[in-house]
PDB file of all heavy atoms in Angstrom:
ATOM      1  N   MET A   1       4.941 -44.433  79.408  1.00  0.00           N
ATOM      2  CA  MET A   1       5.119 -44.249  77.963  1.00  0.00           C
ATOM      3  C   MET A   1       6.411 -43.487  77.682  1.00  0.00           C
ATOM      4  O   MET A   1       6.616 -42.383  78.163  1.00  0.00           O
ATOM      5  CB  MET A   1       3.934 -43.474  77.389  1.00  0.00           C
ATOM      6  CG  MET A   1       4.061 -43.212  75.893  1.00  0.00           C
ATOM      7  SD  MET A   1       2.681 -42.219  75.285  1.00  0.00           S
ATOM      8  CE  MET A   1       3.165 -42.005  73.571  1.00  0.00           C
ATOM      9  N   ALA A   2       7.295 -44.099  76.919  1.00  0.00           N
ATOM     10  CA  ALA A   2       8.580 -43.468  76.588  1.00  0.00           C
ATOM     11  C   ALA A   2       8.865 -43.717  75.113  1.00  0.00           C
ATOM     12  O   ALA A   2       9.386 -44.754  74.738  1.00  0.00           O
ATOM     13  CB  ALA A   2       9.691 -44.042  77.456  1.00  0.00           C
ATOM     14  N   GLU A   3       8.485 -42.789  74.275  1.00  0.00           N
ATOM     15  CA  GLU A   3       8.675 -42.926  72.841  1.00  0.00           C
ATOM     16  C   GLU A   3       9.331 -41.681  72.271  1.00  0.00           C
ATOM     17  O   GLU A   3       9.410 -40.648  72.930  1.00  0.00           O
ATOM     18  CB  GLU A   3       7.319 -43.167  72.144  1.00  0.00           C
ATOM     19  CG  GLU A   3       6.648 -44.466  72.584  1.00  0.00           C
ATOM     20  CD  GLU A   3       5.398 -44.749  71.770  1.00  0.00           C
ATOM     21  OE1 GLU A   3       5.336 -44.278  70.615  1.00  0.00           O
ATOM     22  OE2 GLU A   3       4.499 -45.416  72.286  1.00  0.00           O
ATOM     23  N   ASN A   4       9.804 -41.805  71.038  1.00  0.00           N
ATOM     24  CA  ASN A   4      10.456 -40.690  70.372  1.00  0.00           C
ATOM     25  C   ASN A   4       9.383 -39.738  69.833  1.00  0.00           C
ATOM     26  O   ASN A   4       9.174 -39.600  68.643  1.00  0.00           O
ATOM     27  CB  ASN A   4      11.341 -41.211  69.242  1.00  0.00           C
ATOM     28  CG  ASN A   4      12.167 -40.098  68.626  1.00  0.00           C
ATOM     29  OD1 ASN A   4      12.433 -39.087  69.274  1.00  0.00           O
ATOM     30  ND2 ASN A   4      12.561 -40.273  67.381  1.00  0.00           N
ATOM     31  N   LEU A   5       8.662 -39.112  70.789  1.00  0.00           N
ATOM     32  CA  LEU A   5       7.549 -38.242  70.441  1.00  0.00           C
ATOM     33  C   LEU A   5       7.627 -36.954  71.249  1.00  0.00           C
ATOM     34  O   LEU A   5       8.098 -36.966  72.386  1.00  0.00           O
ATOM     35  CB  LEU A   5       6.205 -38.918  70.772  1.00  0.00           C
ATOM     36  CG  LEU A   5       5.826 -40.189  70.000  1.00  0.00           C
ATOM     37  CD1 LEU A   5       4.615 -40.829  70.653  1.00  0.00           C
ATOM     38  CD2 LEU A   5       5.534 -39.858  68.549  1.00  0.00           C
ATOM     39  N   LEU A   6       7.120 -35.861  70.677  1.00  0.00           N
ATOM     40  CA  LEU A   6       7.008 -34.629  71.441  1.00  0.00           C
ATOM     41  C   LEU A   6       5.937 -34.790  72.510  1.00  0.00           C
ATOM     42  O   LEU A   6       4.861 -35.331  72.247  1.00  0.00           O
ATOM     43  CB  LEU A   6       6.627 -33.465  70.526  1.00  0.00           C
ATOM     44  CG  LEU A   6       7.657 -33.045  69.472  1.00  0.00           C
ATOM     45  CD1 LEU A   6       7.081 -31.935  68.614  1.00  0.00           C
ATOM     46  CD2 LEU A   6       8.937 -32.595  70.131  1.00  0.00           C
ATOM     47  N   PHE A   7       6.235 -34.334  73.718  1.00  0.00           N
ATOM     48  CA  PHE A   7       5.268 -34.326  74.817  1.00  0.00           C
ATOM     49  C   PHE A   7       4.663 -35.703  75.068  1.00  0.00           C
ATOM     50  O   PHE A   7       3.457 -35.843  75.250  1.00  0.00           O
ATOM     51  CB  PHE A   7       4.143 -33.306  74.554  1.00  0.00           C
ATOM     52  CG  PHE A   7       4.629 -31.981  74.085  1.00  0.00           C
ATOM     53  CD1 PHE A   7       4.342 -31.515  72.819  1.00  0.00           C
ATOM     54  CD2 PHE A   7       5.425 -31.200  74.905  1.00  0.00           C
ATOM     55  CE1 PHE A   7       4.813 -30.301  72.378  1.00  0.00           C
ATOM     56  CE2 PHE A   7       5.894 -29.970  74.467  1.00  0.00           C
ATOM     57  CZ  PHE A   7       5.592 -29.520  73.206  1.00  0.00           C
ATOM     58  N   ALA A   8       5.517 -36.744  75.075  1.00  0.00           N
ATOM     59  CA  ALA A   8       5.016 -38.087  75.361  1.00  0.00           C
ATOM     60  C   ALA A   8       4.480 -38.171  76.788  1.00  0.00           C
ATOM     61  O   ALA A   8       3.617 -38.970  77.085  1.00  0.00           O
ATOM     62  CB  ALA A   8       6.128 -39.124  75.157  1.00  0.00           C
ATOM     63  N   THR A   9       5.018 -37.337  77.695  1.00  0.00           N
ATOM     64  CA  THR A   9       4.544 -37.306  79.084  1.00  0.00           C
ATOM     65  C   THR A   9       3.839 -35.977  79.355  1.00  0.00           C
ATOM     66  O   THR A   9       4.430 -34.930  79.197  1.00  0.00           O
ATOM     67  CB  THR A   9       5.726 -37.439  80.073  1.00  0.00           C
ATOM     68  OG1 THR A   9       6.431 -38.631  79.791  1.00  0.00           O
ATOM     69  CG2 THR A   9       5.215 -37.487  81.512  1.00  0.00           C
ATOM     70  N   LEU A  10       2.578 -36.048  79.747  1.00  0.00           N
ATOM     71  CA  LEU A  10       1.847 -34.843  80.156  1.00  0.00           C
ATOM     72  C   LEU A  10       1.452 -34.899  81.619  1.00  0.00           C
ATOM     73  O   LEU A  10       1.346 -33.887  82.284  1.00  0.00           O
ATOM     74  CB  LEU A  10       0.573 -34.679  79.316  1.00  0.00           C
ATOM     75  CG  LEU A  10       0.735 -34.083  77.928  1.00  0.00           C
ATOM     76  CD1 LEU A  10      -0.633 -33.828  77.330  1.00  0.00           C
ATOM     77  CD2 LEU A  10       1.526 -32.793  77.968  1.00  0.00           C
ATOM     78  N   ASP A  11       1.196 -36.100  82.104  1.00  0.00           N
ATOM     79  CA  ASP A  11       0.686 -36.258  83.459  1.00  0.00           C
ATOM     80  C   ASP A  11       1.811 -36.705  84.387  1.00  0.00           C
ATOM     81  O   ASP A  11       2.567 -37.608  84.054  1.00  0.00           O
ATOM     82  CB  ASP A  11      -0.429 -37.302  83.469  1.00  0.00           C
ATOM     83  CG  ASP A  11      -1.516 -36.962  82.453  1.00  0.00           C
ATOM     84  OD1 ASP A  11      -2.231 -35.987  82.701  1.00  0.00           O
ATOM     85  OD2 ASP A  11      -1.603 -37.659  81.433  1.00  0.00           O
ATOM     86  N   PRO A  12       1.939 -36.057  85.552  1.00  0.00           N
ATOM     87  CA  PRO A  12       3.037 -36.412  86.454  1.00  0.00           C
ATOM     88  C   PRO A  12       2.903 -37.842  86.967  1.00  0.00           C
ATOM     89  O   PRO A  12       1.806 -38.294  87.280  1.00  0.00           O
ATOM     90  CB  PRO A  12       2.893 -35.406  87.602  1.00  0.00           C
ATOM     91  CG  PRO A  12       1.453 -35.011  87.577  1.00  0.00           C
ATOM     92  CD  PRO A  12       1.035 -35.062  86.145  1.00  0.00           C
ATOM     93  N   THR A  13       4.009 -38.555  86.987  1.00  0.00           N
ATOM     94  CA  THR A  13       4.028 -39.935  87.459  1.00  0.00           C
ATOM     95  C   THR A  13       5.041 -40.033  88.578  1.00  0.00           C
ATOM     96  O   THR A  13       6.145 -39.496  88.475  1.00  0.00           O
ATOM     97  CB  THR A  13       4.427 -40.883  86.310  1.00  0.00           C
ATOM     98  OG1 THR A  13       3.622 -40.598  85.165  1.00  0.00           O
ATOM     99  CG2 THR A  13       4.240 -42.328  86.711  1.00  0.00           C
ATOM    100  N   MET A  14       4.689 -40.735  89.650  1.00  0.00           N
ATOM    101  CA  MET A  14       5.584 -40.858  90.799  1.00  0.00           C
ATOM    102  C   MET A  14       5.794 -42.329  91.145  1.00  0.00           C
ATOM    103  O   MET A  14       4.853 -43.115  91.138  1.00  0.00           O
ATOM    104  CB  MET A  14       5.023 -40.107  92.011  1.00  0.00           C
ATOM    105  CG  MET A  14       4.986 -38.614  91.813  1.00  0.00           C
ATOM    106  SD  MET A  14       4.637 -37.758  93.341  1.00  0.00           S
ATOM    107  CE  MET A  14       5.405 -36.191  93.015  1.00  0.00           C
ATOM    108  N   ARG A  15       7.045 -42.652  91.447  1.00  0.00           N
ATOM    109  CA  ARG A  15       7.380 -44.018  91.841  1.00  0.00           C
ATOM    110  C   ARG A  15       8.486 -43.973  92.888  1.00  0.00           C
ATOM    111  O   ARG A  15       9.217 -42.995  93.006  1.00  0.00           O
ATOM    112  CB  ARG A  15       7.877 -44.843  90.638  1.00  0.00           C
ATOM    113  CG  ARG A  15       6.869 -45.101  89.545  1.00  0.00           C
ATOM    114  CD  ARG A  15       5.822 -46.139  89.931  1.00  0.00           C
ATOM    115  NE  ARG A  15       5.005 -46.498  88.791  1.00  0.00           N
ATOM    116  CZ  ARG A  15       3.982 -45.812  88.327  1.00  0.00           C
ATOM    117  NH1 ARG A  15       3.659 -44.662  88.903  1.00  0.00           N
ATOM    118  NH2 ARG A  15       3.274 -46.227  87.295  1.00  0.00           N
ATOM    119  N   GLU A  16       8.631 -45.080  93.582  1.00  0.00           N
ATOM    120  CA  GLU A  16       9.712 -45.210  94.565  1.00  0.00           C
ATOM    121  C   GLU A  16      11.016 -45.549  93.854  1.00  0.00           C
ATOM    122  O   GLU A  16      11.021 -46.276  92.858  1.00  0.00           O
ATOM    123  CB  GLU A  16       9.334 -46.330  95.542  1.00  0.00           C
ATOM    124  CG  GLU A  16      10.317 -46.579  96.648  1.00  0.00           C
ATOM    125  CD  GLU A  16       9.869 -47.748  97.526  1.00  0.00           C
ATOM    126  OE1 GLU A  16       8.662 -47.841  97.822  1.00  0.00           O
ATOM    127  OE2 GLU A  16      10.730 -48.573  97.888  1.00  0.00           O
ATOM    128  N   VAL A  17      12.120 -45.004  94.362  1.00  0.00           N
ATOM    129  CA  VAL A  17      13.433 -45.295  93.790  1.00  0.00           C
ATOM    130  C   VAL A  17      14.447 -45.426  94.924  1.00  0.00           C
ATOM    131  O   VAL A  17      14.301 -44.770  95.972  1.00  0.00           O
ATOM    132  CB  VAL A  17      13.866 -44.178  92.791  1.00  0.00           C
ATOM    133  CG1 VAL A  17      14.078 -42.854  93.502  1.00  0.00           C
ATOM    134  CG2 VAL A  17      15.126 -44.575  92.024  1.00  0.00           C
ATOM    135  N   ALA A  18      15.436 -46.286  94.743  1.00  0.00           N
ATOM    136  CA  ALA A  18      16.479 -46.469  95.758  1.00  0.00           C
ATOM    137  C   ALA A  18      17.621 -45.491  95.503  1.00  0.00           C
ATOM    138  O   ALA A  18      18.095 -45.364  94.375  1.00  0.00           O
ATOM    139  CB  ALA A  18      17.004 -47.899  95.715  1.00  0.00           C
ATOM    140  N   LEU A  19      18.045 -44.776  96.554  1.00  0.00           N
ATOM    141  CA  LEU A  19      19.167 -43.844  96.457  1.00  0.00           C
ATOM    142  C   LEU A  19      20.192 -44.171  97.535  1.00  0.00           C
ATOM    143  O   LEU A  19      19.810 -44.490  98.669  1.00  0.00           O
ATOM    144  CB  LEU A  19      18.696 -42.394  96.644  1.00  0.00           C
ATOM    145  CG  LEU A  19      17.998 -41.700  95.489  1.00  0.00           C
ATOM    146  CD1 LEU A  19      17.651 -40.274  95.884  1.00  0.00           C
ATOM    147  CD2 LEU A  19      18.853 -41.700  94.239  1.00  0.00           C
ATOM    148  N   PRO A  20      21.480 -44.086  97.235  1.00  0.00           N
ATOM    149  CA  PRO A  20      22.512 -44.335  98.240  1.00  0.00           C
ATOM    150  C   PRO A  20      22.353 -43.405  99.437  1.00  0.00           C
ATOM    151  O   PRO A  20      22.212 -42.194  99.281  1.00  0.00           O
ATOM    152  CB  PRO A  20      23.823 -44.041  97.482  1.00  0.00           C
ATOM    153  CG  PRO A  20      23.489 -44.212  96.036  1.00  0.00           C
ATOM    154  CD  PRO A  20      22.059 -43.775  95.911  1.00  0.00           C
ATOM    155  N   GLY A  21      22.335 -43.982 100.637  1.00  0.00           N
ATOM    156  CA  GLY A  21      22.229 -43.182 101.853  1.00  0.00           C
ATOM    157  C   GLY A  21      20.807 -42.908 102.295  1.00  0.00           C
ATOM    158  O   GLY A  21      20.582 -42.247 103.306  1.00  0.00           O
ATOM    159  N   PHE A  22      19.810 -43.410 101.547  1.00  0.00           N
ATOM    160  CA  PHE A  22      18.409 -43.197 101.901  1.00  0.00           C
ATOM    161  C   PHE A  22      17.661 -44.525 101.841  1.00  0.00           C
ATOM    162  O   PHE A  22      17.957 -45.372 100.989  1.00  0.00           O
ATOM    163  CB  PHE A  22      17.751 -42.196 100.939  1.00  0.00           C
ATOM    164  CG  PHE A  22      18.348 -40.821 100.998  1.00  0.00           C
ATOM    165  CD1 PHE A  22      19.445 -40.491 100.201  1.00  0.00           C
ATOM    166  CD2 PHE A  22      17.833 -39.862 101.861  1.00  0.00           C
ATOM    167  CE1 PHE A  22      20.010 -39.227 100.260  1.00  0.00           C
ATOM    168  CE2 PHE A  22      18.391 -38.596 101.926  1.00  0.00           C
ATOM    169  CZ  PHE A  22      19.483 -38.278 101.133  1.00  0.00           C
ATOM    170  N   ASP A  23      16.702 -44.673 102.756  1.00  0.00           N
ATOM    171  CA  ASP A  23      15.871 -45.876 102.705  1.00  0.00           C
ATOM    172  C   ASP A  23      15.189 -45.965 101.348  1.00  0.00           C
ATOM    173  O   ASP A  23      15.153 -47.007 100.711  1.00  0.00           O
ATOM    174  CB  ASP A  23      14.811 -45.848 103.815  1.00  0.00           C
ATOM    175  CG  ASP A  23      15.434 -46.001 105.196  1.00  0.00           C
ATOM    176  OD1 ASP A  23      16.578 -46.492 105.259  1.00  0.00           O
ATOM    177  OD2 ASP A  23      14.788 -45.621 106.185  1.00  0.00           O
ATOM    178  N   LYS A  24      14.602 -44.851 100.928  1.00  0.00           N
ATOM    179  CA  LYS A  24      14.014 -44.744  99.599  1.00  0.00           C
ATOM    180  C   LYS A  24      13.750 -43.277  99.293  1.00  0.00           C
ATOM    181  O   LYS A  24      13.836 -42.419 100.180  1.00  0.00           O
ATOM    182  CB  LYS A  24      12.737 -45.569  99.478  1.00  0.00           C
ATOM    183  CG  LYS A  24      11.632 -45.209 100.441  1.00  0.00           C
ATOM    184  CD  LYS A  24      10.434 -46.123 100.179  1.00  0.00           C
ATOM    185  CE  LYS A  24       9.430 -46.080 101.320  1.00  0.00           C
ATOM    186  NZ  LYS A  24       8.291 -46.972 101.106  1.00  0.00           N
ATOM    187  N   ALA A  25      13.429 -43.014  98.039  1.00  0.00           N
ATOM    188  CA  ALA A  25      13.088 -41.657  97.609  1.00  0.00           C
ATOM    189  C   ALA A  25      11.913 -41.762  96.646  1.00  0.00           C
ATOM    190  O   ALA A  25      11.581 -42.845  96.155  1.00  0.00           O
ATOM    191  CB  ALA A  25      14.280 -40.985  96.939  1.00  0.00           C
ATOM    192  N   ILE A  26      11.263 -40.627  96.395  1.00  0.00           N
ATOM    193  CA  ILE A  26      10.153 -40.574  95.435  1.00  0.00           C
ATOM    194  C   ILE A  26      10.656 -39.869  94.186  1.00  0.00           C
ATOM    195  O   ILE A  26      11.186 -38.754  94.261  1.00  0.00           O
ATOM    196  CB  ILE A  26       8.950 -39.811  96.014  1.00  0.00           C
ATOM    197  CG1 ILE A  26       8.483 -40.445  97.325  1.00  0.00           C
ATOM    198  CG2 ILE A  26       7.811 -39.774  94.995  1.00  0.00           C
ATOM    199  CD1 ILE A  26       7.992 -41.860  97.205  1.00  0.00           C
ATOM    200  N   LEU A  27      10.494 -40.519  93.028  1.00  0.00           N
ATOM    201  CA  LEU A  27      10.925 -39.936  91.753  1.00  0.00           C
ATOM    202  C   LEU A  27       9.696 -39.505  90.973  1.00  0.00           C
ATOM    203  O   LEU A  27       8.728 -40.258  90.844  1.00  0.00           O
ATOM    204  CB  LEU A  27      11.729 -40.966  90.956  1.00  0.00           C
ATOM    205  CG  LEU A  27      12.406 -40.455  89.678  1.00  0.00           C
ATOM    206  CD1 LEU A  27      13.509 -39.453  90.011  1.00  0.00           C
ATOM    207  CD2 LEU A  27      12.989 -41.622  88.878  1.00  0.00           C
ATOM    208  N   SER A  28       9.729 -38.280  90.455  1.00  0.00           N
ATOM    209  CA  SER A  28       8.594 -37.714  89.721  1.00  0.00           C
ATOM    210  C   SER A  28       9.005 -37.392  88.289  1.00  0.00           C
ATOM    211  O   SER A  28      10.003 -36.707  88.057  1.00  0.00           O
ATOM    212  CB  SER A  28       8.102 -36.446  90.433  1.00  0.00           C
ATOM    213  OG  SER A  28       7.126 -35.776  89.661  1.00  0.00           O
ATOM    214  N   ASP A  29       8.228 -37.887  87.328  1.00  0.00           N
ATOM    215  CA  ASP A  29       8.427 -37.547  85.913  1.00  0.00           C
ATOM    216  C   ASP A  29       7.455 -36.433  85.573  1.00  0.00           C
ATOM    217  O   ASP A  29       6.320 -36.412  86.053  1.00  0.00           O
ATOM    218  CB  ASP A  29       8.160 -38.777  85.041  1.00  0.00           C
ATOM    219  CG  ASP A  29       8.618 -38.599  83.605  1.00  0.00           C
ATOM    220  OD1 ASP A  29       9.371 -37.635  83.342  1.00  0.00           O
ATOM    221  OD2 ASP A  29       8.239 -39.417  82.750  1.00  0.00           O
ATOM    222  N   THR A  30       7.873 -35.477  84.741  1.00  0.00           N
ATOM    223  CA  THR A  30       7.040 -34.298  84.481  1.00  0.00           C
ATOM    224  C   THR A  30       6.897 -34.034  82.987  1.00  0.00           C
ATOM    225  O   THR A  30       7.570 -34.642  82.161  1.00  0.00           O
ATOM    226  CB  THR A  30       7.649 -33.038  85.135  1.00  0.00           C
ATOM    227  OG1 THR A  30       8.952 -32.815  84.580  1.00  0.00           O
ATOM    228  CG2 THR A  30       7.754 -33.195  86.637  1.00  0.00           C
ATOM    229  N   VAL A  31       6.012 -33.078  82.671  1.00  0.00           N
ATOM    230  CA  VAL A  31       5.793 -32.665  81.288  1.00  0.00           C
ATOM    231  C   VAL A  31       7.086 -32.088  80.702  1.00  0.00           C
ATOM    232  O   VAL A  31       7.843 -31.406  81.391  1.00  0.00           O
ATOM    233  CB  VAL A  31       4.647 -31.631  81.217  1.00  0.00           C
ATOM    234  CG1 VAL A  31       4.974 -30.397  82.027  1.00  0.00           C
ATOM    235  CG2 VAL A  31       4.329 -31.253  79.780  1.00  0.00           C
ATOM    236  N   GLY A  32       7.338 -32.374  79.423  1.00  0.00           N
ATOM    237  CA  GLY A  32       8.519 -31.832  78.767  1.00  0.00           C
ATOM    238  C   GLY A  32       8.360 -30.348  78.468  1.00  0.00           C
ATOM    239  O   GLY A  32       7.271 -29.893  78.109  1.00  0.00           O
ATOM    240  N   PHE A  33       9.443 -29.603  78.618  1.00  0.00           N
ATOM    241  CA  PHE A  33       9.411 -28.171  78.353  1.00  0.00           C
ATOM    242  C   PHE A  33       9.771 -27.910  76.885  1.00  0.00           C
ATOM    243  O   PHE A  33      10.332 -28.767  76.208  1.00  0.00           O
ATOM    244  CB  PHE A  33      10.414 -27.426  79.243  1.00  0.00           C
ATOM    245  CG  PHE A  33      10.129 -27.552  80.717  1.00  0.00           C
ATOM    246  CD1 PHE A  33      11.071 -27.159  81.645  1.00  0.00           C
ATOM    247  CD2 PHE A  33       8.931 -28.070  81.182  1.00  0.00           C
ATOM    248  CE1 PHE A  33      10.826 -27.268  83.007  1.00  0.00           C
ATOM    249  CE2 PHE A  33       8.662 -28.181  82.532  1.00  0.00           C
ATOM    250  CZ  PHE A  33       9.620 -27.779  83.449  1.00  0.00           C
ATOM    251  N   ILE A  34       9.452 -26.712  76.440  1.00  0.00           N
ATOM    252  CA  ILE A  34       9.802 -26.280  75.080  1.00  0.00           C
ATOM    253  C   ILE A  34      10.214 -24.825  75.124  1.00  0.00           C
ATOM    254  O   ILE A  34      10.020 -24.143  76.126  1.00  0.00           O
ATOM    255  CB  ILE A  34       8.626 -26.444  74.084  1.00  0.00           C
ATOM    256  CG1 ILE A  34       7.388 -25.710  74.618  1.00  0.00           C
ATOM    257  CG2 ILE A  34       8.324 -27.888  73.803  1.00  0.00           C
ATOM    258  CD1 ILE A  34       6.282 -25.591  73.601  1.00  0.00           C
ATOM    259  N   SER A  35      10.755 -24.334  74.007  1.00  0.00           N
ATOM    260  CA  SER A  35      11.125 -22.925  73.940  1.00  0.00           C
ATOM    261  C   SER A  35       9.864 -22.077  73.877  1.00  0.00           C
ATOM    262  O   SER A  35       8.875 -22.459  73.241  1.00  0.00           O
ATOM    263  CB  SER A  35      11.994 -22.657  72.705  1.00  0.00           C
ATOM    264  OG  SER A  35      11.278 -22.940  71.530  1.00  0.00           O
TER     265      SER A  35
END
């Protein structure tokens, strides 16, 4: 979920991603911070 909303992401999500020089890496999306 990616919308123009506050705190659209609450639960951590992990997926595989390709990075130069690595077979693969794990990318993690996290909860948005606030002041």
